[in-house]
N, C-alpha and C. Protein backbone atom coordinates (compact mmCIF):
# COMPACT_ATOMS: atom_id res chain seq x y z
N MET A 1 64.53 13.74 146.20
CA MET A 1 63.18 14.61 145.36
C MET A 1 64.25 15.74 145.09
N THR A 2 63.90 16.00 143.52
CA THR A 2 65.01 17.31 143.18
C THR A 2 64.16 18.67 143.43
N ARG A 3 64.88 19.53 143.01
CA ARG A 3 64.63 20.89 143.60
C ARG A 3 63.55 21.34 143.01
N THR A 4 63.29 20.86 141.37
CA THR A 4 61.86 21.30 141.03
C THR A 4 60.95 20.88 141.90
N ALA A 5 61.11 19.46 142.30
CA ALA A 5 59.74 18.77 142.85
C ALA A 5 59.71 19.51 144.38
N LEU A 6 60.80 19.61 144.53
CA LEU A 6 60.74 20.27 146.23
C LEU A 6 59.70 21.80 146.46
N ILE A 7 60.19 22.61 144.92
CA ILE A 7 59.45 23.89 144.78
C ILE A 7 58.04 23.71 144.68
N LEU A 8 57.80 22.45 143.73
CA LEU A 8 56.27 22.34 143.65
C LEU A 8 55.59 21.69 144.94
N THR A 9 56.18 21.17 145.52
CA THR A 9 55.63 20.77 146.96
C THR A 9 55.09 21.95 148.01
N LEU A 10 56.40 22.66 147.77
CA LEU A 10 56.32 24.03 148.80
C LEU A 10 54.95 25.02 148.17
N ALA A 11 55.18 25.07 147.05
CA ALA A 11 54.08 25.68 146.72
C ALA A 11 52.40 25.39 146.95
N PHE A 12 52.36 24.10 146.57
CA PHE A 12 51.02 23.32 146.92
C PHE A 12 50.93 23.45 148.56
N ALA A 13 51.74 23.53 149.44
CA ALA A 13 51.54 23.34 150.67
C ALA A 13 51.45 24.95 150.95
N VAL A 14 51.83 26.05 150.55
CA VAL A 14 51.26 27.49 151.34
C VAL A 14 50.55 28.42 150.65
N CYS A 15 49.81 27.90 149.25
CA CYS A 15 49.19 28.43 148.29
C CYS A 15 47.73 28.80 148.66
N PRO A 16 47.25 27.58 149.35
CA PRO A 16 45.55 27.58 149.65
C PRO A 16 45.09 28.79 150.13
N ALA A 17 45.68 29.03 151.61
CA ALA A 17 44.89 30.44 152.00
C ALA A 17 45.03 31.97 151.00
N SER A 18 46.40 31.62 150.36
CA SER A 18 46.63 33.00 149.70
C SER A 18 45.69 32.93 148.37
N LEU A 19 45.49 31.76 148.04
CA LEU A 19 44.32 31.71 146.68
C LEU A 19 42.79 31.68 147.01
N HIS A 20 42.70 31.45 148.46
CA HIS A 20 41.33 31.58 149.04
C HIS A 20 40.75 33.19 149.08
N ALA A 21 42.06 33.94 149.42
CA ALA A 21 42.00 35.41 149.87
C ALA A 21 41.91 36.01 148.43
N GLN A 22 42.32 35.54 147.42
CA GLN A 22 42.53 36.05 145.85
C GLN A 22 41.21 35.56 145.50
N SER A 23 40.75 34.41 145.81
CA SER A 23 39.31 34.49 145.26
C SER A 23 37.98 35.06 145.43
N LEU A 24 38.15 35.48 146.63
CA LEU A 24 37.15 36.23 147.42
C LEU A 24 37.21 37.37 147.01
N GLU A 25 38.75 38.10 146.68
CA GLU A 25 38.88 39.40 146.08
C GLU A 25 38.24 39.45 144.87
N ASP A 26 38.51 38.57 144.29
CA ASP A 26 37.83 38.34 143.02
C ASP A 26 36.62 38.14 142.81
N ASN A 27 36.32 37.36 143.59
CA ASN A 27 34.18 37.38 143.89
C ASN A 27 33.74 38.62 144.26
N ILE A 28 34.49 39.57 144.80
CA ILE A 28 33.59 40.59 145.57
C ILE A 28 33.71 41.90 143.98
N GLY A 29 35.25 41.47 143.67
CA GLY A 29 35.32 42.31 142.25
C GLY A 29 34.41 42.16 141.17
N SER A 30 34.04 41.03 141.09
CA SER A 30 33.02 40.90 140.10
C SER A 30 31.58 41.06 139.98
N ALA A 31 31.32 40.65 141.78
CA ALA A 31 29.77 41.12 141.76
C ALA A 31 29.47 42.25 141.90
N LEU A 32 30.86 43.22 142.11
CA LEU A 32 30.38 44.85 142.14
C LEU A 32 30.55 45.58 141.00
N GLN A 33 30.63 44.78 139.82
CA GLN A 33 31.17 45.42 138.77
C GLN A 33 29.98 46.09 137.93
N ALA A 34 29.73 47.27 137.16
CA ALA A 34 28.57 47.79 136.98
C ALA A 34 28.38 47.26 135.56
N LYS A 35 27.19 46.75 135.46
CA LYS A 35 26.75 46.08 134.28
C LYS A 35 26.34 47.05 133.05
N GLN A 36 27.13 46.55 131.95
CA GLN A 36 27.14 47.82 130.78
C GLN A 36 25.43 47.61 130.21
N PRO A 37 24.98 48.57 129.90
CA PRO A 37 23.69 48.73 129.15
C PRO A 37 23.60 48.04 128.26
N LEU A 38 22.39 47.39 127.29
CA LEU A 38 22.31 46.59 126.41
C LEU A 38 22.50 47.71 125.07
N THR A 39 22.47 49.14 125.18
CA THR A 39 22.43 49.97 124.15
C THR A 39 23.11 51.26 125.11
N ARG A 40 23.62 51.83 124.15
CA ARG A 40 24.53 53.03 124.37
C ARG A 40 23.24 54.29 124.97
N SER A 41 21.82 54.13 124.52
CA SER A 41 21.27 55.51 124.67
C SER A 41 20.23 55.37 125.79
N LEU A 42 20.19 56.16 126.75
CA LEU A 42 19.32 56.02 127.89
C LEU A 42 17.85 56.99 127.78
N THR A 43 16.96 56.42 128.14
CA THR A 43 15.81 56.98 128.07
C THR A 43 15.43 57.96 128.69
N ALA A 44 14.67 58.87 128.65
CA ALA A 44 14.54 60.04 129.36
C ALA A 44 14.24 59.63 130.76
N THR A 45 13.61 58.41 130.67
CA THR A 45 13.04 58.15 132.75
C THR A 45 14.43 57.58 133.02
N GLN A 46 15.13 57.07 132.50
CA GLN A 46 16.50 56.33 132.95
C GLN A 46 17.06 57.55 132.94
N ASP A 47 17.26 58.68 132.42
CA ASP A 47 18.16 59.65 132.83
C ASP A 47 17.70 60.59 133.99
N SER A 48 16.29 60.37 134.26
CA SER A 48 15.69 61.18 135.56
C SER A 48 15.97 60.51 136.61
N LYS A 49 15.96 59.30 136.71
CA LYS A 49 16.37 58.33 137.89
C LYS A 49 17.50 58.48 137.75
N ALA A 50 18.25 58.45 136.89
CA ALA A 50 19.93 58.49 137.58
C ALA A 50 20.40 59.85 138.15
N ALA A 51 19.88 60.84 137.66
CA ALA A 51 19.70 62.44 138.24
C ALA A 51 19.37 62.10 139.51
N ALA A 52 18.10 61.69 139.78
CA ALA A 52 17.46 61.80 141.23
C ALA A 52 18.60 60.88 142.18
N GLU A 53 18.62 59.34 141.67
CA GLU A 53 19.80 58.92 142.76
C GLU A 53 20.84 59.64 142.77
N LYS A 54 21.45 60.11 141.50
CA LYS A 54 22.74 60.83 142.12
C LYS A 54 22.91 62.02 143.31
N GLN A 55 21.82 62.69 143.10
CA GLN A 55 21.74 63.79 143.74
C GLN A 55 21.13 63.48 145.45
N ILE A 56 20.53 62.53 145.33
CA ILE A 56 20.70 61.90 146.64
C ILE A 56 22.15 61.26 147.60
N ILE A 57 22.60 60.58 146.55
CA ILE A 57 23.65 59.92 146.91
C ILE A 57 24.98 61.31 147.15
N ASP A 58 24.87 62.23 146.60
CA ASP A 58 25.66 63.42 146.69
C ASP A 58 25.37 64.08 147.88
N ARG A 59 24.37 64.13 148.31
CA ARG A 59 23.52 64.70 149.83
C ARG A 59 24.06 64.05 150.64
N LEU A 60 24.41 62.89 150.40
CA LEU A 60 24.68 61.74 151.55
C LEU A 60 26.72 61.59 151.92
N ARG A 61 27.14 62.12 150.49
CA ARG A 61 28.68 62.03 150.56
C ARG A 61 29.04 63.52 151.45
N THR A 62 27.89 64.43 151.39
CA THR A 62 28.89 65.54 151.76
C THR A 62 28.56 65.37 153.26
N ARG A 63 28.08 64.34 154.09
CA ARG A 63 28.29 64.06 155.45
C ARG A 63 29.23 62.85 155.65
N SER A 64 29.99 62.33 154.79
CA SER A 64 30.98 61.50 154.63
C SER A 64 32.51 61.71 154.07
N ILE A 65 32.70 63.04 154.42
CA ILE A 65 34.09 63.49 154.19
C ILE A 65 35.20 63.46 155.02
N SER A 66 34.78 62.45 156.18
CA SER A 66 35.86 62.52 157.20
C SER A 66 35.74 60.91 157.76
N VAL A 67 36.91 60.33 158.48
CA VAL A 67 36.81 59.05 158.97
C VAL A 67 35.29 58.71 159.22
N GLU A 68 35.37 59.71 160.56
CA GLU A 68 33.82 59.36 161.15
C GLU A 68 32.65 60.33 160.27
N ALA A 69 31.71 59.74 159.87
CA ALA A 69 30.83 60.20 159.22
C ALA A 69 30.15 60.93 160.35
N VAL A 70 29.74 62.70 159.72
CA VAL A 70 28.87 63.55 160.52
C VAL A 70 27.56 63.27 161.29
N GLN A 71 26.70 62.18 159.89
CA GLN A 71 25.42 62.12 160.50
C GLN A 71 24.74 60.92 160.08
N ALA A 72 24.43 60.10 160.71
CA ALA A 72 23.83 58.25 160.19
C ALA A 72 22.58 59.10 159.60
N PRO A 73 22.54 57.95 158.36
CA PRO A 73 21.53 58.07 157.35
C PRO A 73 19.71 58.01 158.22
N THR A 74 19.12 58.81 157.82
CA THR A 74 17.76 59.22 158.67
C THR A 74 17.19 57.64 158.25
N ALA A 75 15.74 57.55 158.74
CA ALA A 75 15.05 56.20 158.26
C ALA A 75 14.63 56.87 156.89
N ASP A 76 14.14 57.59 156.84
CA ASP A 76 13.82 58.14 154.91
C ASP A 76 15.08 57.93 154.06
N GLU A 77 16.19 58.23 154.76
CA GLU A 77 17.28 58.20 154.22
C GLU A 77 17.40 56.76 153.40
N ARG A 78 17.21 56.01 154.74
CA ARG A 78 17.50 54.65 154.79
C ARG A 78 16.67 53.88 153.48
N THR A 79 15.44 54.60 153.54
CA THR A 79 14.28 53.75 152.30
C THR A 79 15.18 54.28 151.03
N GLN A 80 15.44 55.12 150.75
CA GLN A 80 15.85 55.95 149.60
C GLN A 80 17.26 54.87 149.34
N ILE A 81 18.21 54.54 149.93
CA ILE A 81 19.44 54.04 150.14
C ILE A 81 18.73 52.39 149.36
N ALA A 82 17.96 51.74 150.32
CA ALA A 82 17.27 50.89 149.79
C ALA A 82 16.94 50.52 148.75
N GLU A 83 16.01 51.53 147.90
CA GLU A 83 15.40 51.72 146.71
C GLU A 83 16.62 51.59 145.62
N ILE A 84 17.46 52.52 146.00
CA ILE A 84 18.73 52.73 144.85
C ILE A 84 19.43 51.54 144.87
N ALA A 85 19.78 50.63 145.98
CA ALA A 85 20.55 49.67 146.33
C ALA A 85 19.70 48.36 145.30
N ARG A 86 18.38 48.56 145.14
CA ARG A 86 17.65 47.63 144.79
C ARG A 86 18.06 46.64 143.40
N ASP A 87 18.49 47.58 142.22
CA ASP A 87 18.96 47.29 140.94
C ASP A 87 20.84 47.44 140.75
N LYS A 88 21.33 47.71 141.71
CA LYS A 88 22.37 48.06 141.78
C LYS A 88 23.46 46.77 142.14
N PRO A 89 24.78 46.54 141.31
CA PRO A 89 25.78 45.41 142.08
C PRO A 89 26.12 45.35 143.20
N ALA A 90 25.93 44.40 143.92
CA ALA A 90 26.08 44.22 145.25
C ALA A 90 26.40 43.14 145.61
N ILE A 91 26.90 42.51 146.90
CA ILE A 91 27.47 41.31 147.30
C ILE A 91 27.27 41.71 148.74
N ASP A 92 26.80 40.46 149.63
CA ASP A 92 26.65 40.34 151.14
C ASP A 92 28.03 39.42 151.61
N LEU A 93 28.34 40.21 152.61
CA LEU A 93 29.71 39.73 153.27
C LEU A 93 29.50 39.30 154.75
N GLU A 94 30.05 38.01 155.18
CA GLU A 94 29.84 37.81 156.67
C GLU A 94 30.76 38.63 157.59
N ILE A 95 30.63 39.73 157.94
CA ILE A 95 31.86 40.29 158.55
C ILE A 95 31.54 40.10 160.48
N LEU A 96 32.66 39.05 160.91
CA LEU A 96 32.34 38.84 162.30
C LEU A 96 32.58 39.94 163.32
N PHE A 97 31.69 40.43 164.15
CA PHE A 97 31.75 41.52 165.24
C PHE A 97 32.07 40.62 166.56
N GLU A 98 32.68 41.10 167.44
CA GLU A 98 32.28 40.68 168.78
C GLU A 98 31.22 40.87 169.41
N TYR A 99 30.35 39.74 170.33
CA TYR A 99 29.07 39.74 170.53
C TYR A 99 28.68 41.09 171.13
N ASN A 100 27.23 41.31 170.29
CA ASN A 100 26.67 42.64 171.26
C ASN A 100 27.69 44.09 170.81
N SER A 101 28.72 44.04 170.01
CA SER A 101 29.51 44.89 170.25
C SER A 101 29.70 45.67 168.60
N ALA A 102 30.51 46.41 168.15
CA ALA A 102 31.09 47.06 166.86
C ALA A 102 32.43 46.50 166.47
N ASP A 103 32.87 45.74 167.57
CA ASP A 103 34.57 45.81 167.56
C ASP A 103 34.78 44.37 166.25
N ILE A 104 35.51 44.73 165.41
CA ILE A 104 35.75 43.84 164.18
C ILE A 104 36.91 42.66 165.03
N SER A 105 35.86 41.37 164.73
CA SER A 105 36.63 40.30 165.03
C SER A 105 37.87 40.05 164.67
N PRO A 106 38.98 39.52 164.95
CA PRO A 106 40.13 39.48 164.36
C PRO A 106 39.57 38.19 163.17
N LYS A 107 38.88 37.06 163.27
CA LYS A 107 38.51 36.64 162.29
C LYS A 107 38.27 37.13 160.82
N ALA A 108 37.77 38.49 161.11
CA ALA A 108 36.83 39.12 159.68
C ALA A 108 38.06 39.93 159.05
N MET A 109 39.53 40.03 159.54
CA MET A 109 40.01 40.60 158.96
C MET A 109 40.67 40.05 157.42
N PRO A 110 40.77 38.90 157.15
CA PRO A 110 40.73 38.53 155.67
C PRO A 110 39.46 39.10 154.83
N ALA A 111 38.65 38.66 155.61
CA ALA A 111 37.26 39.15 154.47
C ALA A 111 37.07 40.80 154.30
N LEU A 112 37.68 41.46 155.07
CA LEU A 112 38.11 42.78 154.90
C LEU A 112 39.29 43.13 154.16
N ALA A 113 40.14 42.50 154.39
CA ALA A 113 41.67 42.64 153.66
C ALA A 113 41.24 42.17 151.69
N ALA A 114 40.28 41.03 151.73
CA ALA A 114 39.63 41.07 150.05
C ALA A 114 38.82 42.28 149.77
N LEU A 115 38.08 42.78 150.76
CA LEU A 115 37.24 43.98 150.40
C LEU A 115 38.01 44.99 149.91
N GLY A 116 38.95 45.61 151.03
CA GLY A 116 39.63 46.53 150.61
C GLY A 116 40.61 46.60 149.34
N LYS A 117 40.71 45.42 149.00
CA LYS A 117 41.72 44.93 147.66
C LYS A 117 40.53 45.31 146.47
N ALA A 118 39.37 44.92 146.48
CA ALA A 118 38.97 44.85 145.51
C ALA A 118 38.24 46.12 145.45
N LEU A 119 37.82 47.43 146.23
CA LEU A 119 37.60 48.26 146.06
C LEU A 119 38.74 49.20 145.86
N SER A 120 40.03 49.01 145.88
CA SER A 120 41.07 49.74 145.34
C SER A 120 41.53 49.17 144.18
N ARG A 121 41.15 48.51 143.67
CA ARG A 121 41.10 48.02 141.94
C ARG A 121 40.85 49.18 141.07
N GLN A 122 41.67 49.53 140.10
CA GLN A 122 41.43 50.50 139.24
C GLN A 122 39.80 50.41 138.17
N ASP A 123 39.19 49.30 138.41
CA ASP A 123 38.31 49.18 137.56
C ASP A 123 36.78 49.63 138.59
N LEU A 124 37.14 49.53 139.88
CA LEU A 124 36.01 49.91 141.06
C LEU A 124 36.53 51.29 141.87
N LYS A 125 37.52 51.64 142.00
CA LYS A 125 38.20 53.01 142.10
C LYS A 125 37.34 54.34 141.87
N GLY A 126 37.25 55.03 142.86
CA GLY A 126 36.28 56.31 142.52
C GLY A 126 34.52 56.25 142.41
N SER A 127 34.29 55.04 142.41
CA SER A 127 32.95 54.65 142.73
C SER A 127 32.39 55.03 143.98
N VAL A 128 31.09 55.04 143.98
CA VAL A 128 30.38 55.52 145.37
C VAL A 128 29.68 54.04 146.18
N PHE A 129 29.81 53.75 147.01
CA PHE A 129 29.41 52.30 147.31
C PHE A 129 28.61 52.47 148.74
N PHE A 130 27.72 51.96 149.15
CA PHE A 130 26.73 52.09 150.20
C PHE A 130 27.43 50.86 150.93
N ILE A 131 27.50 51.03 152.21
CA ILE A 131 28.06 49.96 153.26
C ILE A 131 27.11 49.64 154.32
N ASN A 132 25.88 48.46 153.85
CA ASN A 132 24.77 48.28 154.67
C ASN A 132 25.00 47.79 155.40
N GLY A 133 24.44 47.67 156.76
CA GLY A 133 24.76 46.84 158.13
C GLY A 133 23.33 45.80 158.38
N HIS A 134 23.23 45.14 158.44
CA HIS A 134 21.82 44.04 158.73
C HIS A 134 22.38 43.15 160.19
N THR A 135 21.17 42.93 160.85
CA THR A 135 21.34 42.22 161.93
C THR A 135 20.45 41.12 161.65
N ASP A 136 20.05 40.03 162.84
CA ASP A 136 19.38 39.11 162.36
C ASP A 136 17.93 39.85 163.42
N ALA A 137 16.98 39.15 163.76
CA ALA A 137 15.41 39.80 164.48
C ALA A 137 15.78 39.72 165.96
N ALA A 138 16.54 38.99 166.71
CA ALA A 138 16.79 38.95 167.71
C ALA A 138 17.08 40.81 168.34
N GLY A 139 16.29 40.96 169.42
CA GLY A 139 16.52 42.36 170.11
C GLY A 139 15.16 43.34 169.73
N GLY A 140 15.27 44.34 170.65
CA GLY A 140 14.66 45.35 169.81
C GLY A 140 15.01 46.37 168.34
N ALA A 141 13.75 46.64 167.94
CA ALA A 141 14.65 47.32 166.68
C ALA A 141 15.32 48.25 166.86
N ASP A 142 15.19 49.46 167.54
CA ASP A 142 16.12 50.67 167.74
C ASP A 142 17.15 50.12 168.12
N TYR A 143 17.67 49.29 168.83
CA TYR A 143 18.80 48.69 169.46
C TYR A 143 19.76 48.14 168.07
N ASN A 144 19.03 47.17 167.35
CA ASN A 144 19.50 46.58 166.49
C ASN A 144 19.99 47.62 165.23
N GLN A 145 19.10 48.71 165.04
CA GLN A 145 19.37 49.81 164.06
C GLN A 145 20.36 50.50 164.44
N LEU A 146 20.85 50.77 166.02
CA LEU A 146 21.87 51.55 166.04
C LEU A 146 22.85 50.68 166.16
N LEU A 147 23.09 49.44 166.47
CA LEU A 147 24.12 48.66 166.53
C LEU A 147 24.50 48.08 165.13
N SER A 148 23.72 48.03 163.88
CA SER A 148 24.08 47.85 162.73
C SER A 148 24.88 49.18 161.91
N GLN A 149 24.30 50.14 162.67
CA GLN A 149 25.14 51.15 161.79
C GLN A 149 26.50 51.47 162.43
N ARG A 150 26.39 51.27 163.86
CA ARG A 150 27.81 51.36 164.26
C ARG A 150 29.03 50.31 163.66
N ARG A 151 28.44 48.98 163.56
CA ARG A 151 29.08 47.79 162.80
C ARG A 151 29.57 48.44 161.05
N ALA A 152 28.47 49.26 160.54
CA ALA A 152 28.86 49.94 159.49
C ALA A 152 30.04 50.72 159.24
N ASN A 153 29.76 51.66 160.32
CA ASN A 153 31.01 52.63 160.79
C ASN A 153 32.34 51.89 160.63
N SER A 154 32.29 50.73 161.29
CA SER A 154 33.68 50.31 161.75
C SER A 154 34.12 49.53 160.35
N VAL A 155 33.50 48.66 159.69
CA VAL A 155 33.97 48.67 158.31
C VAL A 155 34.49 49.19 157.46
N ARG A 156 33.66 50.83 157.34
CA ARG A 156 33.99 51.90 156.59
C ARG A 156 35.30 52.53 157.07
N ARG A 157 35.61 52.73 158.39
CA ARG A 157 36.76 53.13 159.35
C ARG A 157 37.89 51.96 158.98
N VAL A 158 37.77 50.79 158.73
CA VAL A 158 38.87 49.98 158.29
C VAL A 158 39.52 50.44 156.90
N LEU A 159 38.10 50.64 155.88
CA LEU A 159 38.29 50.88 154.49
C LEU A 159 39.15 52.16 153.86
N VAL A 160 38.69 52.98 155.20
CA VAL A 160 39.44 54.42 155.22
C VAL A 160 41.09 54.53 155.45
N GLU A 161 40.96 53.98 156.72
CA GLU A 161 42.37 53.89 157.50
C GLU A 161 43.11 53.17 156.94
N GLN A 162 42.77 52.08 156.91
CA GLN A 162 43.71 50.81 156.28
C GLN A 162 43.86 50.86 154.77
N TYR A 163 43.12 51.31 153.88
CA TYR A 163 43.35 50.65 152.43
C TYR A 163 43.11 52.18 152.00
N ARG A 164 43.24 53.41 152.54
CA ARG A 164 43.41 54.55 151.80
C ARG A 164 41.98 54.95 151.03
N LEU A 165 40.87 54.15 151.19
CA LEU A 165 39.95 54.83 150.45
C LEU A 165 39.22 55.93 150.53
N VAL A 166 38.82 56.79 149.61
CA VAL A 166 38.17 58.01 149.99
C VAL A 166 36.97 57.91 150.94
N PRO A 167 36.89 58.44 151.96
CA PRO A 167 35.99 58.54 152.90
C PRO A 167 34.55 59.19 152.13
N ASP A 168 34.46 59.99 151.16
CA ASP A 168 33.11 60.14 151.01
C ASP A 168 32.56 59.45 149.96
N THR A 169 33.50 57.73 149.44
CA THR A 169 33.11 57.54 148.66
C THR A 169 32.42 55.96 148.98
N LEU A 170 32.30 56.13 150.46
CA LEU A 170 31.80 54.96 151.44
C LEU A 170 30.73 55.80 152.17
N ILE A 171 29.46 55.12 151.82
CA ILE A 171 28.21 55.79 152.77
C ILE A 171 27.82 54.59 153.28
N ALA A 172 28.09 54.86 155.03
CA ALA A 172 27.37 53.81 156.04
C ALA A 172 26.20 54.27 156.44
N ALA A 173 25.08 53.06 156.07
CA ALA A 173 24.25 52.89 156.88
C ALA A 173 23.53 51.69 157.79
N GLY A 174 22.85 51.89 158.38
CA GLY A 174 22.45 50.82 159.43
C GLY A 174 20.84 50.24 159.55
N PHE A 175 20.50 49.01 158.99
CA PHE A 175 19.30 48.73 158.83
C PHE A 175 18.75 47.91 159.62
N GLY A 176 19.45 47.77 160.62
CA GLY A 176 19.00 46.34 161.92
C GLY A 176 18.38 45.32 161.00
N LYS A 177 16.90 45.18 161.94
CA LYS A 177 16.47 43.92 161.17
C LYS A 177 15.27 44.56 160.37
N GLU A 178 15.53 45.52 159.70
CA GLU A 178 14.48 45.65 158.64
C GLU A 178 14.57 44.94 157.47
N GLN A 179 15.48 44.16 156.84
CA GLN A 179 16.08 43.67 156.00
C GLN A 179 16.29 42.29 155.96
N LEU A 180 15.78 41.58 156.26
CA LEU A 180 15.94 40.05 156.86
C LEU A 180 16.40 39.31 155.15
N LYS A 181 17.55 38.91 155.13
CA LYS A 181 17.87 37.96 154.18
C LYS A 181 17.09 36.94 154.10
N ASN A 182 16.70 36.28 154.97
CA ASN A 182 15.87 35.13 155.26
C ASN A 182 14.73 34.95 156.40
N PRO A 183 13.72 35.63 155.62
CA PRO A 183 12.77 35.71 156.74
C PRO A 183 11.90 34.53 157.46
N ALA A 184 12.16 33.53 156.53
CA ALA A 184 12.09 32.42 157.10
C ALA A 184 12.61 31.83 158.20
N ASN A 185 13.75 32.34 158.24
CA ASN A 185 14.76 32.06 159.65
C ASN A 185 15.12 33.23 159.91
N PRO A 186 14.20 34.08 160.75
CA PRO A 186 14.99 35.36 161.30
C PRO A 186 16.07 35.59 162.22
N LEU A 187 16.56 34.49 163.07
CA LEU A 187 17.69 34.33 163.64
C LEU A 187 18.64 33.68 162.82
N GLY A 188 18.51 33.22 162.20
CA GLY A 188 19.39 32.48 160.89
C GLY A 188 20.98 33.48 161.01
N GLN A 189 22.46 33.20 161.04
CA GLN A 189 23.34 33.92 160.77
C GLN A 189 23.43 34.48 159.56
N GLU A 190 22.66 34.07 158.50
CA GLU A 190 22.62 34.66 157.08
C GLU A 190 22.10 35.85 157.13
N ASN A 191 21.30 36.27 158.16
CA ASN A 191 20.93 37.85 158.17
C ASN A 191 22.18 38.93 158.77
N ARG A 192 22.79 38.25 159.40
CA ARG A 192 23.74 39.31 159.74
C ARG A 192 24.94 39.31 159.16
N ARG A 193 24.77 40.45 158.31
CA ARG A 193 25.59 40.99 157.51
C ARG A 193 26.16 42.12 157.09
N VAL A 194 27.27 42.00 156.13
CA VAL A 194 27.55 43.41 155.37
C VAL A 194 27.32 43.61 154.26
N GLN A 195 26.53 44.29 153.67
CA GLN A 195 25.77 44.17 152.24
C GLN A 195 26.94 45.36 151.27
N ILE A 196 27.52 45.09 150.75
CA ILE A 196 28.19 46.29 149.75
C ILE A 196 27.87 46.47 148.51
N VAL A 197 27.25 48.01 148.15
CA VAL A 197 26.61 48.32 147.15
C VAL A 197 27.56 49.19 146.03
N ASN A 198 27.63 48.94 144.94
CA ASN A 198 27.98 49.56 144.24
C ASN A 198 26.86 50.39 143.20
N THR A 199 27.03 52.21 143.90
CA THR A 199 25.87 52.91 143.46
C THR A 199 25.92 53.31 141.90
N THR A 200 27.10 52.91 141.63
CA THR A 200 27.65 53.19 140.11
C THR A 200 27.47 54.88 140.07
N VAL A 201 27.68 55.02 140.78
CA VAL A 201 27.74 56.72 140.49
C VAL A 201 29.38 56.79 140.86
N GLN A 202 29.79 58.19 140.10
CA GLN A 202 31.29 58.12 140.25
C GLN A 202 31.55 59.11 140.93
N ALA A 203 32.49 59.27 142.10
CA ALA A 203 32.78 60.37 143.20
C ALA A 203 34.18 61.32 141.91
N ALA A 204 34.63 60.55 141.30
CA ALA A 204 35.76 61.50 140.56
C ALA A 204 35.91 60.82 139.26
N ALA A 205 37.29 61.64 138.56
CA ALA A 205 37.48 60.93 136.98
C ALA A 205 38.43 59.76 137.74
N LYS A 206 38.34 58.64 137.18
CA LYS A 206 39.77 57.52 137.31
C LYS A 206 40.91 58.26 137.12
N ARG A 207 41.73 58.04 137.45
CA ARG A 207 43.07 57.93 137.52
C ARG A 207 44.16 56.74 136.78
């Protein structure tokens, strides 16, 4: 085997995992890109809606200035977050946790690494994101809501501590089993997810 052939063989042997990680990072980055408006002008209604959303988001950001958020969103604020998220760029990720725990499983680290790298990209840096935790329908509503909040907080903590993302650009909210992705299969694993939403609000000018 020639040296060139050997290099090519090694490349194909070691690249699949890194290619998968790059692919996930690219998928996250693409899904969270803000959609460009068809026209540059905004109607008064759109302007008013954007201003109202920014006011809500800025209020939530004031409680997210440290690694540990001062206060979780209230039930009314979760409703507002869900409404804002409805038409924003978003992606659902399966982040594995230890059973009945907010401890992130080692198996989840590749997905978190892809997320951290995607949110650190220049085209997304400075945007404010919701980190919304969801569970399946097993167990009580209050327990699931608290568990999903703790899990969203855990994802946020990794992004802040390991990827140096600015704390107040990440707002964690736990929805428990309020928003099942697949109501027809309430215990399905697809319901156990973390949703990342680009609010399209800019926390600061991009550098």
